[in-house]
Amino acid sequence: MATWIVELKPFKLRKGVLIQGLPGMGFAGKIGVDYIVQELKLEKVAELYSDHLVLPTGNAGLLVTDDGMMRLPHYEFYLYEADDRDLLFLSGDVQPVSWGQYEVAFKVLDYFQKKGGVEVVAVCGTVVGAEEGRREVYFVADTPETKEELIRAGFKYYGGGTITGACGLVPGLARLRGLKTYILMSTTRPHAPDPEAGREIVKALMKLFGIKVSLKNLDRVIEEIKKREKELKRLRELLEKRKEERRPEYYV
């Protein structure tokens, strides 16, 4: 088994914060992190490769881009240098297979701490509140002090249950290392990519870290999806109505 990091640009973090957003429920965390990286045009400083990062089908292989280029599934690290501290955004194509989660998480945390990291934040999605149609951000904290800090910031704590994958494991291991850590989870639909959930993640990170990002491009995507969903709903209703009209009188 092999997991390694390719550094593209030497750097050192000042009171560094790792913000991890990987594919998961509703793709909420990945959408949020990728949007910030894209809007701020952040520089990629490192990549992580591992034989635990396989294709979504479960097979080993490579991804092919829309313009015909190849790439192995991997993680990407992007650096944001703020006034008083640095943020290291972590995104990726896939999550590790279950038996490789620990190895990859250790590699990420070893590298992050070596660079001067002191705080770990994982962002992802949750179905809490989804049935009521609410859009909220919940948190899970490492200490009572962190919990109070996040409550004052306007977030609700998530009580009971489990958090699977890297969104749960990386903060859990970070806590054992004595790093400040917490998880932010946006209400989402469990299966389809949900840019509205990603938007809530972006807003939460802007609030906590003073990041300034325009939401207009994400809002445009959300509105386009809503229009398509509305049109599909209208077409389904029309088809159902026509089916009813075509049924013979003796139909039971």
C-alpha atoms as a PDB file:
ATOM      1  CA  MET A   1       0.000   0.000   0.000  1.00  0.00           C
ATOM      2  CA  ALA A   2       1.273   3.479  -0.809  1.00  0.00           C
ATOM      3  CA  THR A   3       0.144   7.010  -0.022  1.00  0.00           C
ATOM      4  CA  TRP A   4       2.316   9.977  -0.942  1.00  0.00           C
ATOM      5  CA  ILE A   5       2.187  13.756  -1.312  1.00  0.00           C
ATOM      6  CA  VAL A   6       3.623  15.756  -4.196  1.00  0.00           C
ATOM      7  CA  GLU A   7       4.435  19.317  -3.133  1.00  0.00           C
ATOM      8  CA  LEU A   8       4.059  21.790  -5.990  1.00  0.00           C
ATOM      9  CA  LYS A   9       5.204  24.878  -4.094  1.00  0.00           C
ATOM     10  CA  PRO A  10       7.086  25.152  -0.780  1.00  0.00           C
ATOM     11  CA  PHE A  11       5.063  26.927   1.914  1.00  0.00           C
ATOM     12  CA  LYS A  12       4.738  27.380   5.670  1.00  0.00           C
ATOM     13  CA  LEU A  13       1.477  27.975   7.514  1.00  0.00           C
ATOM     14  CA  ARG A  14       0.885  30.688  10.102  1.00  0.00           C
ATOM     15  CA  LYS A  15      -1.489  29.250  12.709  1.00  0.00           C
ATOM     16  CA  GLY A  16      -2.749  27.120   9.851  1.00  0.00           C
ATOM     17  CA  VAL A  17      -6.316  25.870   9.506  1.00  0.00           C
ATOM     18  CA  LEU A  18      -7.110  22.822   7.362  1.00  0.00           C
ATOM     19  CA  ILE A  19     -10.574  23.041   5.765  1.00  0.00           C
ATOM     20  CA  GLN A  20     -11.505  19.677   4.272  1.00  0.00           C
ATOM     21  CA  GLY A  21     -14.379  19.343   1.782  1.00  0.00           C
ATOM     22  CA  LEU A  22     -14.567  15.968   0.038  1.00  0.00           C
ATOM     23  CA  PRO A  23     -17.289  14.153  -1.944  1.00  0.00           C
ATOM     24  CA  GLY A  24     -20.043  12.998   0.388  1.00  0.00           C
ATOM     25  CA  MET A  25     -23.702  13.537   1.196  1.00  0.00           C
ATOM     26  CA  GLY A  26     -25.106  16.021  -1.313  1.00  0.00           C
ATOM     27  CA  PHE A  27     -21.510  16.934  -2.186  1.00  0.00           C
ATOM     28  CA  ALA A  28     -22.119  19.843   0.221  1.00  0.00           C
ATOM     29  CA  GLY A  29     -18.568  20.095   1.551  1.00  0.00           C
ATOM     30  CA  LYS A  30     -16.881  19.638  -1.809  1.00  0.00           C
ATOM     31  CA  ILE A  31     -19.132  22.173  -3.535  1.00  0.00           C
ATOM     32  CA  GLY A  32     -18.457  24.708  -0.781  1.00  0.00           C
ATOM     33  CA  VAL A  33     -14.677  24.290  -0.775  1.00  0.00           C
ATOM     34  CA  ASP A  34     -14.364  24.085  -4.564  1.00  0.00           C
ATOM     35  CA  TYR A  35     -16.428  27.248  -4.972  1.00  0.00           C
ATOM     36  CA  ILE A  36     -14.209  29.237  -2.607  1.00  0.00           C
ATOM     37  CA  VAL A  37     -11.068  27.918  -4.318  1.00  0.00           C
ATOM     38  CA  GLN A  38     -12.461  28.846  -7.728  1.00  0.00           C
ATOM     39  CA  GLU A  39     -13.752  32.302  -6.788  1.00  0.00           C
ATOM     40  CA  LEU A  40     -10.549  33.306  -4.983  1.00  0.00           C
ATOM     41  CA  LYS A  41      -8.379  31.700  -7.674  1.00  0.00           C
ATOM     42  CA  LEU A  42      -6.284  30.016  -5.003  1.00  0.00           C
ATOM     43  CA  GLU A  43      -2.971  28.427  -5.877  1.00  0.00           C
ATOM     44  CA  LYS A  44      -2.621  24.666  -5.650  1.00  0.00           C
ATOM     45  CA  VAL A  45       0.376  23.861  -3.464  1.00  0.00           C
ATOM     46  CA  ALA A  46       0.253  20.061  -3.121  1.00  0.00           C
ATOM     47  CA  GLU A  47      -1.436  16.856  -4.264  1.00  0.00           C
ATOM     48  CA  LEU A  48      -1.970  13.559  -2.432  1.00  0.00           C
ATOM     49  CA  TYR A  49      -2.045  10.227  -4.253  1.00  0.00           C
ATOM     50  CA  SER A  50      -2.885   6.833  -2.806  1.00  0.00           C
ATOM     51  CA  ASP A  51      -3.825   3.345  -3.920  1.00  0.00           C
ATOM     52  CA  HIS A  52      -6.755   3.804  -1.519  1.00  0.00           C
ATOM     53  CA  LEU A  53      -8.207   6.468  -3.838  1.00  0.00           C
ATOM     54  CA  VAL A  54     -10.044   4.446  -6.472  1.00  0.00           C
ATOM     55  CA  LEU A  55     -12.709   5.286  -9.047  1.00  0.00           C
ATOM     56  CA  PRO A  56     -16.345   5.724  -7.880  1.00  0.00           C
ATOM     57  CA  THR A  57     -17.053   2.275  -9.383  1.00  0.00           C
ATOM     58  CA  GLY A  58     -14.574   0.747  -6.929  1.00  0.00           C
ATOM     59  CA  ASN A  59     -12.028  -0.082  -9.619  1.00  0.00           C
ATOM     60  CA  ALA A  60      -8.453   1.131  -9.909  1.00  0.00           C
ATOM     61  CA  GLY A  61      -7.908   3.376 -12.896  1.00  0.00           C
ATOM     62  CA  LEU A  62      -7.825   6.978 -14.017  1.00  0.00           C
ATOM     63  CA  LEU A  63     -10.289   9.768 -14.683  1.00  0.00           C
ATOM     64  CA  VAL A  64     -10.626  11.327 -18.135  1.00  0.00           C
ATOM     65  CA  THR A  65     -11.403  15.053 -18.317  1.00  0.00           C
ATOM     66  CA  ASP A  66     -13.892  16.620 -20.729  1.00  0.00           C
ATOM     67  CA  ASP A  67     -11.007  17.817 -22.894  1.00  0.00           C
ATOM     68  CA  GLY A  68      -9.491  14.355 -23.212  1.00  0.00           C
ATOM     69  CA  MET A  69      -6.779  14.534 -20.527  1.00  0.00           C
ATOM     70  CA  MET A  70      -6.010  11.826 -17.976  1.00  0.00           C
ATOM     71  CA  ARG A  71      -5.566  12.105 -14.226  1.00  0.00           C
ATOM     72  CA  LEU A  72      -5.412   9.727 -11.282  1.00  0.00           C
ATOM     73  CA  PRO A  73      -7.944  10.227  -8.479  1.00  0.00           C
ATOM     74  CA  HIS A  74      -6.258  12.445  -5.888  1.00  0.00           C
ATOM     75  CA  TYR A  75      -6.556  15.136  -3.202  1.00  0.00           C
ATOM     76  CA  GLU A  76      -5.598  18.768  -3.819  1.00  0.00           C
ATOM     77  CA  PHE A  77      -4.363  21.350  -1.305  1.00  0.00           C
ATOM     78  CA  TYR A  78      -4.934  25.079  -1.929  1.00  0.00           C
ATOM     79  CA  LEU A  79      -3.419  27.910   0.102  1.00  0.00           C
ATOM     80  CA  TYR A  80      -5.251  31.038   1.256  1.00  0.00           C
ATOM     81  CA  GLU A  81      -3.028  33.565   3.008  1.00  0.00           C
ATOM     82  CA  ALA A  82      -5.163  35.766   5.278  1.00  0.00           C
ATOM     83  CA  ASP A  83      -3.962  38.753   7.305  1.00  0.00           C
ATOM     84  CA  ASP A  84      -3.277  36.890  10.545  1.00  0.00           C
ATOM     85  CA  ARG A  85      -3.445  33.180   9.665  1.00  0.00           C
ATOM     86  CA  ASP A  86      -3.399  30.823   6.693  1.00  0.00           C
ATOM     87  CA  LEU A  87      -6.099  28.465   5.475  1.00  0.00           C
ATOM     88  CA  LEU A  88      -5.257  25.245   3.650  1.00  0.00           C
ATOM     89  CA  PHE A  89      -8.250  24.011   1.645  1.00  0.00           C
ATOM     90  CA  LEU A  90      -8.401  20.291   0.895  1.00  0.00           C
ATOM     91  CA  SER A  91     -10.597  18.948  -1.908  1.00  0.00           C
ATOM     92  CA  GLY A  92     -10.555  15.739  -3.902  1.00  0.00           C
ATOM     93  CA  ASP A  93     -12.092  13.530  -6.577  1.00  0.00           C
ATOM     94  CA  VAL A  94     -13.127  10.718  -4.224  1.00  0.00           C
ATOM     95  CA  GLN A  95     -12.868   9.515  -0.636  1.00  0.00           C
ATOM     96  CA  PRO A  96     -10.561   6.624   0.308  1.00  0.00           C
ATOM     97  CA  VAL A  97     -11.947   3.111   0.475  1.00  0.00           C
ATOM     98  CA  SER A  98     -13.027   2.222   4.021  1.00  0.00           C
ATOM     99  CA  TRP A  99      -9.917   0.153   4.869  1.00  0.00           C
ATOM    100  CA  GLY A 100      -7.636   2.966   3.683  1.00  0.00           C
ATOM    101  CA  GLN A 101      -9.288   5.855   5.516  1.00  0.00           C
ATOM    102  CA  TYR A 102      -6.868   5.798   8.462  1.00  0.00           C
ATOM    103  CA  GLU A 103      -3.716   5.682   6.346  1.00  0.00           C
ATOM    104  CA  VAL A 104      -4.808   8.614   4.187  1.00  0.00           C
ATOM    105  CA  ALA A 105      -6.015  10.623   7.201  1.00  0.00           C
ATOM    106  CA  PHE A 106      -2.684  10.113   8.989  1.00  0.00           C
ATOM    107  CA  LYS A 107      -0.812  11.274   5.883  1.00  0.00           C
ATOM    108  CA  VAL A 108      -2.961  14.412   5.601  1.00  0.00           C
ATOM    109  CA  LEU A 109      -2.549  15.311   9.277  1.00  0.00           C
ATOM    110  CA  ASP A 110       1.204  14.568   9.326  1.00  0.00           C
ATOM    111  CA  TYR A 111       1.726  16.869   6.356  1.00  0.00           C
ATOM    112  CA  PHE A 112      -0.570  19.576   7.741  1.00  0.00           C
ATOM    113  CA  GLN A 113       1.138  19.657  11.149  1.00  0.00           C
ATOM    114  CA  LYS A 114       4.589  19.619   9.568  1.00  0.00           C
ATOM    115  CA  LYS A 115       3.590  22.787   7.686  1.00  0.00           C
ATOM    116  CA  GLY A 116       2.444  24.583  10.840  1.00  0.00           C
ATOM    117  CA  GLY A 117      -1.212  23.550  11.110  1.00  0.00           C
ATOM    118  CA  VAL A 118      -3.059  23.921  14.425  1.00  0.00           C
ATOM    119  CA  GLU A 119      -6.788  23.642  13.604  1.00  0.00           C
ATOM    120  CA  VAL A 120      -8.871  21.221  11.504  1.00  0.00           C
ATOM    121  CA  VAL A 121     -12.340  21.900  10.110  1.00  0.00           C
ATOM    122  CA  ALA A 122     -14.285  19.311   8.107  1.00  0.00           C
ATOM    123  CA  VAL A 123     -17.343  20.371   6.090  1.00  0.00           C
ATOM    124  CA  CYS A 124     -19.982  18.004   4.741  1.00  0.00           C
ATOM    125  CA  GLY A 125     -23.722  17.374   4.436  1.00  0.00           C
ATOM    126  CA  THR A 126     -26.410  15.970   6.741  1.00  0.00           C
ATOM    127  CA  VAL A 127     -30.071  15.016   6.305  1.00  0.00           C
ATOM    128  CA  VAL A 128     -30.983  16.596   9.661  1.00  0.00           C
ATOM    129  CA  GLY A 129     -33.811  19.035   8.996  1.00  0.00           C
ATOM    130  CA  ALA A 130     -34.225  17.900   5.374  1.00  0.00           C
ATOM    131  CA  GLU A 131     -37.769  16.588   5.878  1.00  0.00           C
ATOM    132  CA  GLU A 132     -38.899  19.997   7.129  1.00  0.00           C
ATOM    133  CA  GLY A 133     -37.210  21.699   4.186  1.00  0.00           C
ATOM    134  CA  ARG A 134     -34.898  23.669   6.446  1.00  0.00           C
ATOM    135  CA  ARG A 135     -31.480  24.942   5.384  1.00  0.00           C
ATOM    136  CA  GLU A 136     -29.230  25.069   8.433  1.00  0.00           C
ATOM    137  CA  VAL A 137     -25.623  24.392   9.405  1.00  0.00           C
ATOM    138  CA  TYR A 138     -24.994  22.068  12.331  1.00  0.00           C
ATOM    139  CA  PHE A 139     -21.712  21.399  14.121  1.00  0.00           C
ATOM    140  CA  VAL A 140     -19.915  18.792  16.187  1.00  0.00           C
ATOM    141  CA  ALA A 141     -17.193  20.160  18.482  1.00  0.00           C
ATOM    142  CA  ASP A 142     -14.094  18.811  20.174  1.00  0.00           C
ATOM    143  CA  THR A 143     -14.380  20.713  23.489  1.00  0.00           C
ATOM    144  CA  PRO A 144     -17.050  22.645  25.457  1.00  0.00           C
ATOM    145  CA  GLU A 145     -15.127  25.837  24.626  1.00  0.00           C
ATOM    146  CA  THR A 146     -15.356  25.193  20.877  1.00  0.00           C
ATOM    147  CA  LYS A 147     -19.026  24.307  21.277  1.00  0.00           C
ATOM    148  CA  GLU A 148     -19.798  27.643  22.972  1.00  0.00           C
ATOM    149  CA  GLU A 149     -17.813  29.501  20.314  1.00  0.00           C
ATOM    150  CA  LEU A 150     -19.860  27.930  17.507  1.00  0.00           C
ATOM    151  CA  ILE A 151     -23.168  28.503  19.301  1.00  0.00           C
ATOM    152  CA  ARG A 152     -22.284  32.181  19.647  1.00  0.00           C
ATOM    153  CA  ALA A 153     -21.561  32.216  15.909  1.00  0.00           C
ATOM    154  CA  GLY A 154     -25.164  31.128  15.302  1.00  0.00           C
ATOM    155  CA  PHE A 155     -24.812  27.402  14.552  1.00  0.00           C
ATOM    156  CA  LYS A 156     -26.720  24.488  16.120  1.00  0.00           C
ATOM    157  CA  TYR A 157     -25.036  21.423  17.548  1.00  0.00           C
ATOM    158  CA  TYR A 158     -25.726  17.961  16.141  1.00  0.00           C
ATOM    159  CA  GLY A 159     -26.526  15.495  18.909  1.00  0.00           C
ATOM    160  CA  GLY A 160     -26.404  11.712  18.640  1.00  0.00           C
ATOM    161  CA  GLY A 161     -25.618   9.493  15.664  1.00  0.00           C
ATOM    162  CA  THR A 162     -22.439   8.988  13.661  1.00  0.00           C
ATOM    163  CA  ILE A 163     -20.403  10.776  10.979  1.00  0.00           C
ATOM    164  CA  THR A 164     -18.797   8.403   8.523  1.00  0.00           C
ATOM    165  CA  GLY A 165     -15.843   8.757   6.163  1.00  0.00           C
ATOM    166  CA  ALA A 166     -13.172  11.422   6.170  1.00  0.00           C
ATOM    167  CA  CYS A 167     -15.566  14.079   7.477  1.00  0.00           C
ATOM    168  CA  GLY A 168     -15.742  12.191  10.769  1.00  0.00           C
ATOM    169  CA  LEU A 169     -12.367  10.464  10.901  1.00  0.00           C
ATOM    170  CA  VAL A 170      -9.970  13.341  10.184  1.00  0.00           C
ATOM    171  CA  PRO A 171     -11.385  15.611  12.942  1.00  0.00           C
ATOM    172  CA  GLY A 172     -11.510  12.624  15.313  1.00  0.00           C
ATOM    173  CA  LEU A 173      -7.814  11.904  14.777  1.00  0.00           C
ATOM    174  CA  ALA A 174      -6.974  15.624  14.923  1.00  0.00           C
ATOM    175  CA  ARG A 175      -8.556  15.798  18.388  1.00  0.00           C
ATOM    176  CA  LEU A 176      -6.356  12.923  19.583  1.00  0.00           C
ATOM    177  CA  ARG A 177      -3.338  14.966  18.431  1.00  0.00           C
ATOM    178  CA  GLY A 178      -4.404  17.950  20.528  1.00  0.00           C
ATOM    179  CA  LEU A 179      -5.500  20.097  17.583  1.00  0.00           C
ATOM    180  CA  LYS A 180      -8.583  22.291  17.783  1.00  0.00           C
ATOM    181  CA  THR A 181     -11.171  20.694  15.519  1.00  0.00           C
ATOM    182  CA  TYR A 182     -14.846  20.672  14.600  1.00  0.00           C
ATOM    183  CA  ILE A 183     -17.250  19.606  11.868  1.00  0.00           C
ATOM    184  CA  LEU A 184     -19.773  21.775   9.994  1.00  0.00           C
ATOM    185  CA  MET A 185     -22.691  20.005   8.300  1.00  0.00           C
ATOM    186  CA  SER A 186     -25.226  21.625   5.993  1.00  0.00           C
ATOM    187  CA  THR A 187     -28.735  20.232   5.546  1.00  0.00           C
ATOM    188  CA  THR A 188     -28.872  18.517   2.168  1.00  0.00           C
ATOM    189  CA  ARG A 189     -30.519  15.947  -0.040  1.00  0.00           C
ATOM    190  CA  PRO A 190     -28.605  12.675   0.403  1.00  0.00           C
ATOM    191  CA  HIS A 191     -27.977  11.664  -3.206  1.00  0.00           C
ATOM    192  CA  ALA A 192     -27.941  14.437  -5.821  1.00  0.00           C
ATOM    193  CA  PRO A 193     -25.303  17.189  -5.776  1.00  0.00           C
ATOM    194  CA  ASP A 194     -26.881  20.049  -3.816  1.00  0.00           C
ATOM    195  CA  PRO A 195     -25.439  23.511  -4.531  1.00  0.00           C
ATOM    196  CA  GLU A 196     -27.825  25.069  -1.992  1.00  0.00           C
ATOM    197  CA  ALA A 197     -26.162  23.017   0.744  1.00  0.00           C
ATOM    198  CA  GLY A 198     -22.770  24.033  -0.634  1.00  0.00           C
ATOM    199  CA  ARG A 199     -23.875  27.669  -0.463  1.00  0.00           C
ATOM    200  CA  GLU A 200     -24.608  27.313   3.256  1.00  0.00           C
ATOM    201  CA  ILE A 201     -21.110  25.884   3.773  1.00  0.00           C
ATOM    202  CA  VAL A 202     -19.584  28.855   1.924  1.00  0.00           C
ATOM    203  CA  LYS A 203     -21.569  31.302   4.061  1.00  0.00           C
ATOM    204  CA  ALA A 204     -20.504  29.521   7.262  1.00  0.00           C
ATOM    205  CA  LEU A 205     -16.807  29.631   6.322  1.00  0.00           C
ATOM    206  CA  MET A 206     -17.093  33.285   5.323  1.00  0.00           C
ATOM    207  CA  LYS A 207     -18.579  34.040   8.728  1.00  0.00           C
ATOM    208  CA  LEU A 208     -15.989  32.114  10.737  1.00  0.00           C
ATOM    209  CA  PHE A 209     -12.840  33.095   8.837  1.00  0.00           C
ATOM    210  CA  GLY A 210     -13.643  36.474   7.325  1.00  0.00           C
ATOM    211  CA  ILE A 211     -13.430  35.176   3.763  1.00  0.00           C
ATOM    212  CA  LYS A 212     -14.991  37.524   1.218  1.00  0.00           C
ATOM    213  CA  VAL A 213     -16.544  35.688  -1.728  1.00  0.00           C
ATOM    214  CA  SER A 214     -19.350  36.723  -4.062  1.00  0.00           C
ATOM    215  CA  LEU A 215     -22.195  34.201  -4.118  1.00  0.00           C
ATOM    216  CA  LYS A 216     -23.685  35.380  -7.413  1.00  0.00           C
ATOM    217  CA  ASN A 217     -22.188  32.585  -9.542  1.00  0.00           C
ATOM    218  CA  LEU A 218     -23.427  29.916  -7.134  1.00  0.00           C
ATOM    219  CA  ASP A 219     -26.839  31.605  -6.936  1.00  0.00           C
ATOM    220  CA  ARG A 220     -27.019  31.475 -10.727  1.00  0.00           C
ATOM    221  CA  VAL A 221     -26.433  27.707 -10.699  1.00  0.00           C
ATOM    222  CA  ILE A 222     -29.042  27.226  -7.972  1.00  0.00           C
ATOM    223  CA  GLU A 223     -31.657  29.226  -9.883  1.00  0.00           C
ATOM    224  CA  GLU A 224     -30.968  27.282 -13.068  1.00  0.00           C
ATOM    225  CA  ILE A 225     -31.424  23.969 -11.231  1.00  0.00           C
ATOM    226  CA  LYS A 226     -34.679  25.200  -9.667  1.00  0.00           C
ATOM    227  CA  LYS A 227     -35.995  26.191 -13.092  1.00  0.00           C
ATOM    228  CA  ARG A 228     -35.152  22.763 -14.500  1.00  0.00           C
ATOM    229  CA  GLU A 229     -36.758  20.980 -11.539  1.00  0.00           C
ATOM    230  CA  LYS A 230     -39.885  23.120 -11.895  1.00  0.00           C
ATOM    231  CA  GLU A 231     -40.092  22.350 -15.607  1.00  0.00           C
ATOM    232  CA  LEU A 232     -39.611  18.613 -15.009  1.00  0.00           C
ATOM    233  CA  LYS A 233     -42.356  18.667 -12.381  1.00  0.00           C
ATOM    234  CA  ARG A 234     -44.697  20.450 -14.819  1.00  0.00           C
ATOM    235  CA  LEU A 235     -43.956  17.876 -17.548  1.00  0.00           C
ATOM    236  CA  ARG A 236     -44.565  14.952 -15.173  1.00  0.00           C
ATOM    237  CA  GLU A 237     -47.903  16.424 -14.106  1.00  0.00           C
ATOM    238  CA  LEU A 238     -48.869  16.949 -17.752  1.00  0.00           C
ATOM    239  CA  LEU A 239     -48.014  13.350 -18.633  1.00  0.00           C
ATOM    240  CA  GLU A 240     -50.021  12.043 -15.676  1.00  0.00           C
ATOM    241  CA  LYS A 241     -53.009  14.161 -16.722  1.00  0.00           C
ATOM    242  CA  ARG A 242     -52.861  12.806 -20.274  1.00  0.00           C
ATOM    243  CA  LYS A 243     -52.701   9.239 -18.972  1.00  0.00           C
ATOM    244  CA  GLU A 244     -55.854   9.877 -16.951  1.00  0.00           C
ATOM    245  CA  GLU A 245     -57.631  11.344 -19.956  1.00  0.00           C
ATOM    246  CA  ARG A 246     -56.798   8.316 -22.130  1.00  0.00           C
ATOM    247  CA  ARG A 247     -58.097   5.686 -19.693  1.00  0.00           C
ATOM    248  CA  PRO A 248     -61.312   3.952 -20.892  1.00  0.00           C
ATOM    249  CA  GLU A 249     -64.514   4.395 -18.870  1.00  0.00           C
ATOM    250  CA  TYR A 250     -64.413   0.795 -17.668  1.00  0.00           C
ATOM    251  CA  TYR A 251     -60.881   1.186 -16.233  1.00  0.00           C
ATOM    252  CA  VAL A 252     -60.693   0.367 -12.508  1.00  0.00           C
END
